[in-house]
Amino acid sequence: MADPKEKPVDKMSFEEALAELEGIVRQLEAGEVELEKSIAIYERGAALKAHCESRLKAAELKVEQIVQGASGPSTEPASFD
């Protein structure tokens, strides 16, 4: 039941996926969506969440590689605070 205009999740940037996921959460929290549509958008939301997590993990690994650099592994993990 996906909307044909929807961009495939795997083609989305992190920012696009996060923005759409936030919109889905707002719709579901409002409780004004029909049951069938709720199920469909929840399913897309789950795919968007997995995509965002994957993109974040990849970014985290890249940062760790940069922190390690040519001098080898560092003794402290990368901090995202």
N, C-alpha and C. Protein backbone atom coordinates (compact mmCIF):
# COMPACT_ATOMS: atom_id res chain seq x y z
N MET A 1 0.80 -1.19 0.00
CA MET A 1 0.00 0.00 0.00
C MET A 1 0.85 1.26 0.00
N ALA A 2 2.06 1.16 -0.43
CA ALA A 2 2.95 2.33 -0.46
C ALA A 2 2.51 3.29 -1.55
N ASP A 3 2.67 4.56 -1.26
CA ASP A 3 2.36 5.61 -2.22
C ASP A 3 3.42 5.56 -3.32
N PRO A 4 3.04 5.48 -4.60
CA PRO A 4 4.02 5.39 -5.67
C PRO A 4 4.94 6.62 -5.75
N LYS A 5 4.51 7.75 -5.16
CA LYS A 5 5.34 8.96 -5.17
C LYS A 5 6.43 8.91 -4.11
N GLU A 6 6.31 8.00 -3.14
CA GLU A 6 7.28 7.92 -2.06
C GLU A 6 8.64 7.50 -2.59
N LYS A 7 9.66 8.17 -2.10
CA LYS A 7 11.02 7.84 -2.47
C LYS A 7 11.42 6.55 -1.77
N PRO A 8 12.08 5.64 -2.47
CA PRO A 8 12.53 4.41 -1.81
C PRO A 8 13.44 4.74 -0.63
N VAL A 9 13.23 4.06 0.48
CA VAL A 9 13.98 4.35 1.70
C VAL A 9 15.48 4.25 1.48
N ASP A 10 15.92 3.25 0.73
CA ASP A 10 17.36 3.07 0.53
C ASP A 10 18.00 4.15 -0.34
N LYS A 11 17.19 4.99 -0.95
CA LYS A 11 17.71 6.10 -1.77
C LYS A 11 17.70 7.42 -1.01
N MET A 12 17.23 7.40 0.24
CA MET A 12 17.09 8.63 1.02
C MET A 12 18.36 8.94 1.80
N SER A 13 18.59 10.24 1.99
CA SER A 13 19.67 10.66 2.88
C SER A 13 19.18 10.46 4.31
N PHE A 14 20.10 10.53 5.25
CA PHE A 14 19.72 10.42 6.66
C PHE A 14 18.70 11.50 7.01
N GLU A 15 18.96 12.71 6.58
CA GLU A 15 18.09 13.84 6.92
C GLU A 15 16.69 13.67 6.34
N GLU A 16 16.60 13.19 5.11
CA GLU A 16 15.28 12.96 4.50
C GLU A 16 14.52 11.89 5.26
N ALA A 17 15.21 10.80 5.57
CA ALA A 17 14.57 9.69 6.28
C ALA A 17 14.12 10.12 7.67
N LEU A 18 14.95 10.86 8.37
CA LEU A 18 14.60 11.32 9.71
C LEU A 18 13.40 12.26 9.68
N ALA A 19 13.38 13.17 8.72
CA ALA A 19 12.25 14.11 8.60
C ALA A 19 10.95 13.35 8.33
N GLU A 20 10.98 12.38 7.44
CA GLU A 20 9.77 11.61 7.15
C GLU A 20 9.37 10.78 8.36
N LEU A 21 10.33 10.20 9.05
CA LEU A 21 10.04 9.42 10.25
C LEU A 21 9.39 10.29 11.32
N GLU A 22 9.88 11.50 11.50
CA GLU A 22 9.28 12.42 12.46
C GLU A 22 7.83 12.74 12.08
N GLY A 23 7.57 12.91 10.79
CA GLY A 23 6.21 13.15 10.32
C GLY A 23 5.29 11.98 10.60
N ILE A 24 5.80 10.78 10.41
CA ILE A 24 5.01 9.58 10.68
C ILE A 24 4.68 9.49 12.17
N VAL A 25 5.67 9.77 13.00
CA VAL A 25 5.43 9.73 14.45
C VAL A 25 4.34 10.73 14.85
N ARG A 26 4.41 11.93 14.28
CA ARG A 26 3.38 12.94 14.58
C ARG A 26 1.99 12.45 14.16
N GLN A 27 1.90 11.84 12.98
CA GLN A 27 0.61 11.34 12.50
C GLN A 27 0.06 10.26 13.42
N LEU A 28 0.93 9.32 13.80
CA LEU A 28 0.48 8.22 14.65
C LEU A 28 0.11 8.70 16.05
N GLU A 29 0.89 9.64 16.58
CA GLU A 29 0.59 10.18 17.91
C GLU A 29 -0.72 10.96 17.92
N ALA A 30 -1.05 11.61 16.82
CA ALA A 30 -2.29 12.37 16.73
C ALA A 30 -3.50 11.43 16.78
N GLY A 31 -3.31 10.19 16.33
CA GLY A 31 -4.39 9.21 16.38
C GLY A 31 -5.53 9.47 15.42
N GLU A 32 -5.30 10.24 14.40
CA GLU A 32 -6.36 10.58 13.46
C GLU A 32 -6.21 9.87 12.12
N VAL A 33 -5.47 8.78 12.12
CA VAL A 33 -5.22 8.03 10.88
C VAL A 33 -6.01 6.73 10.95
N GLU A 34 -6.62 6.36 9.84
CA GLU A 34 -7.37 5.10 9.77
C GLU A 34 -6.44 3.92 10.07
N LEU A 35 -7.01 2.85 10.58
CA LEU A 35 -6.23 1.68 10.99
C LEU A 35 -5.35 1.14 9.87
N GLU A 36 -5.92 0.93 8.69
CA GLU A 36 -5.13 0.38 7.58
C GLU A 36 -3.97 1.29 7.21
N LYS A 37 -4.23 2.59 7.16
CA LYS A 37 -3.16 3.54 6.83
C LYS A 37 -2.13 3.57 7.95
N SER A 38 -2.59 3.46 9.20
CA SER A 38 -1.66 3.44 10.34
C SER A 38 -0.67 2.29 10.21
N ILE A 39 -1.19 1.14 9.83
CA ILE A 39 -0.33 -0.04 9.68
C ILE A 39 0.70 0.20 8.57
N ALA A 40 0.25 0.76 7.45
CA ALA A 40 1.14 1.01 6.32
C ALA A 40 2.22 2.03 6.68
N ILE A 41 1.82 3.11 7.35
CA ILE A 41 2.84 4.12 7.67
C ILE A 41 3.74 3.65 8.80
N TYR A 42 3.22 2.81 9.70
CA TYR A 42 4.07 2.24 10.74
C TYR A 42 5.15 1.36 10.11
N GLU A 43 4.75 0.59 9.11
CA GLU A 43 5.71 -0.28 8.41
C GLU A 43 6.80 0.56 7.73
N ARG A 44 6.39 1.64 7.08
CA ARG A 44 7.38 2.53 6.45
C ARG A 44 8.25 3.17 7.53
N GLY A 45 7.65 3.55 8.63
CA GLY A 45 8.41 4.13 9.73
C GLY A 45 9.47 3.18 10.25
N ALA A 46 9.15 1.90 10.35
CA ALA A 46 10.12 0.90 10.80
C ALA A 46 11.29 0.81 9.81
N ALA A 47 10.98 0.86 8.52
CA ALA A 47 12.04 0.83 7.51
C ALA A 47 12.90 2.09 7.58
N LEU A 48 12.27 3.24 7.80
CA LEU A 48 13.01 4.50 7.92
C LEU A 48 13.91 4.48 9.15
N LYS A 49 13.41 3.95 10.26
CA LYS A 49 14.20 3.85 11.49
C LYS A 49 15.43 2.98 11.27
N ALA A 50 15.24 1.84 10.63
CA ALA A 50 16.36 0.94 10.36
C ALA A 50 17.39 1.62 9.45
N HIS A 51 16.90 2.36 8.46
CA HIS A 51 17.79 3.08 7.54
C HIS A 51 18.59 4.13 8.29
N CYS A 52 17.93 4.90 9.16
CA CYS A 52 18.63 5.93 9.94
C CYS A 52 19.68 5.30 10.85
N GLU A 53 19.32 4.21 11.50
CA GLU A 53 20.28 3.53 12.37
C GLU A 53 21.49 3.04 11.59
N SER A 54 21.25 2.51 10.40
CA SER A 54 22.33 2.03 9.55
C SER A 54 23.25 3.18 9.13
N ARG A 55 22.66 4.30 8.72
CA ARG A 55 23.46 5.46 8.31
C ARG A 55 24.27 6.02 9.48
N LEU A 56 23.66 6.05 10.67
CA LEU A 56 24.38 6.53 11.86
C LEU A 56 25.55 5.61 12.21
N LYS A 57 25.33 4.31 12.12
CA LYS A 57 26.39 3.33 12.41
C LYS A 57 27.55 3.51 11.43
N ALA A 58 27.23 3.70 10.16
CA ALA A 58 28.28 3.90 9.15
C ALA A 58 29.06 5.18 9.44
N ALA A 59 28.36 6.23 9.83
CA ALA A 59 29.04 7.49 10.16
C ALA A 59 29.92 7.32 11.39
N GLU A 60 29.43 6.59 12.37
CA GLU A 60 30.21 6.34 13.59
C GLU A 60 31.51 5.59 13.25
N LEU A 61 31.40 4.59 12.38
CA LEU A 61 32.60 3.84 11.98
C LEU A 61 33.60 4.73 11.24
N LYS A 62 33.12 5.62 10.39
CA LYS A 62 34.01 6.54 9.68
C LYS A 62 34.73 7.46 10.66
N VAL A 63 33.99 7.97 11.65
CA VAL A 63 34.61 8.86 12.64
C VAL A 63 35.67 8.10 13.42
N GLU A 64 35.37 6.87 13.80
CA GLU A 64 36.36 6.07 14.53
C GLU A 64 37.61 5.85 13.68
N GLN A 65 37.44 5.63 12.40
CA GLN A 65 38.60 5.46 11.51
C GLN A 65 39.41 6.74 11.43
N ILE A 66 38.74 7.88 11.39
CA ILE A 66 39.44 9.16 11.35
C ILE A 66 40.20 9.38 12.65
N VAL A 67 39.57 9.08 13.78
CA VAL A 67 40.21 9.25 15.08
C VAL A 67 41.44 8.36 15.18
N GLN A 68 41.35 7.14 14.67
CA GLN A 68 42.49 6.23 14.72
C GLN A 68 43.64 6.75 13.85
N GLY A 69 43.31 7.22 12.67
CA GLY A 69 44.29 7.80 11.77
C GLY A 69 45.47 6.87 11.48
N ALA A 70 46.54 7.47 11.01
CA ALA A 70 47.73 6.71 10.62
C ALA A 70 48.52 6.23 11.83
N SER A 71 48.31 6.84 12.98
CA SER A 71 49.08 6.47 14.17
C SER A 71 48.54 5.22 14.86
N GLY A 72 47.53 4.60 14.29
CA GLY A 72 46.98 3.39 14.88
C GLY A 72 45.81 3.69 15.78
N PRO A 73 45.34 2.66 16.45
CA PRO A 73 44.16 2.84 17.30
C PRO A 73 44.42 3.76 18.47
N SER A 74 43.41 4.55 18.82
CA SER A 74 43.52 5.40 19.98
C SER A 74 42.99 4.64 21.19
N THR A 75 43.25 5.14 22.38
CA THR A 75 42.81 4.47 23.59
C THR A 75 41.43 4.93 24.04
N GLU A 76 40.87 5.97 23.39
CA GLU A 76 39.57 6.50 23.75
C GLU A 76 38.61 6.36 22.56
N PRO A 77 37.37 5.93 22.84
CA PRO A 77 36.39 5.88 21.75
C PRO A 77 35.98 7.27 21.32
N ALA A 78 35.47 7.37 20.12
CA ALA A 78 34.98 8.65 19.61
C ALA A 78 33.80 9.11 20.46
N SER A 79 33.74 10.40 20.76
CA SER A 79 32.65 10.97 21.55
C SER A 79 31.76 11.82 20.64
N PHE A 80 30.44 11.64 20.78
CA PHE A 80 29.50 12.39 19.97
C PHE A 80 28.73 13.40 20.78
N ASP A 81 29.24 13.74 21.96
CA ASP A 81 28.57 14.72 22.84
C ASP A 81 28.85 16.13 22.40
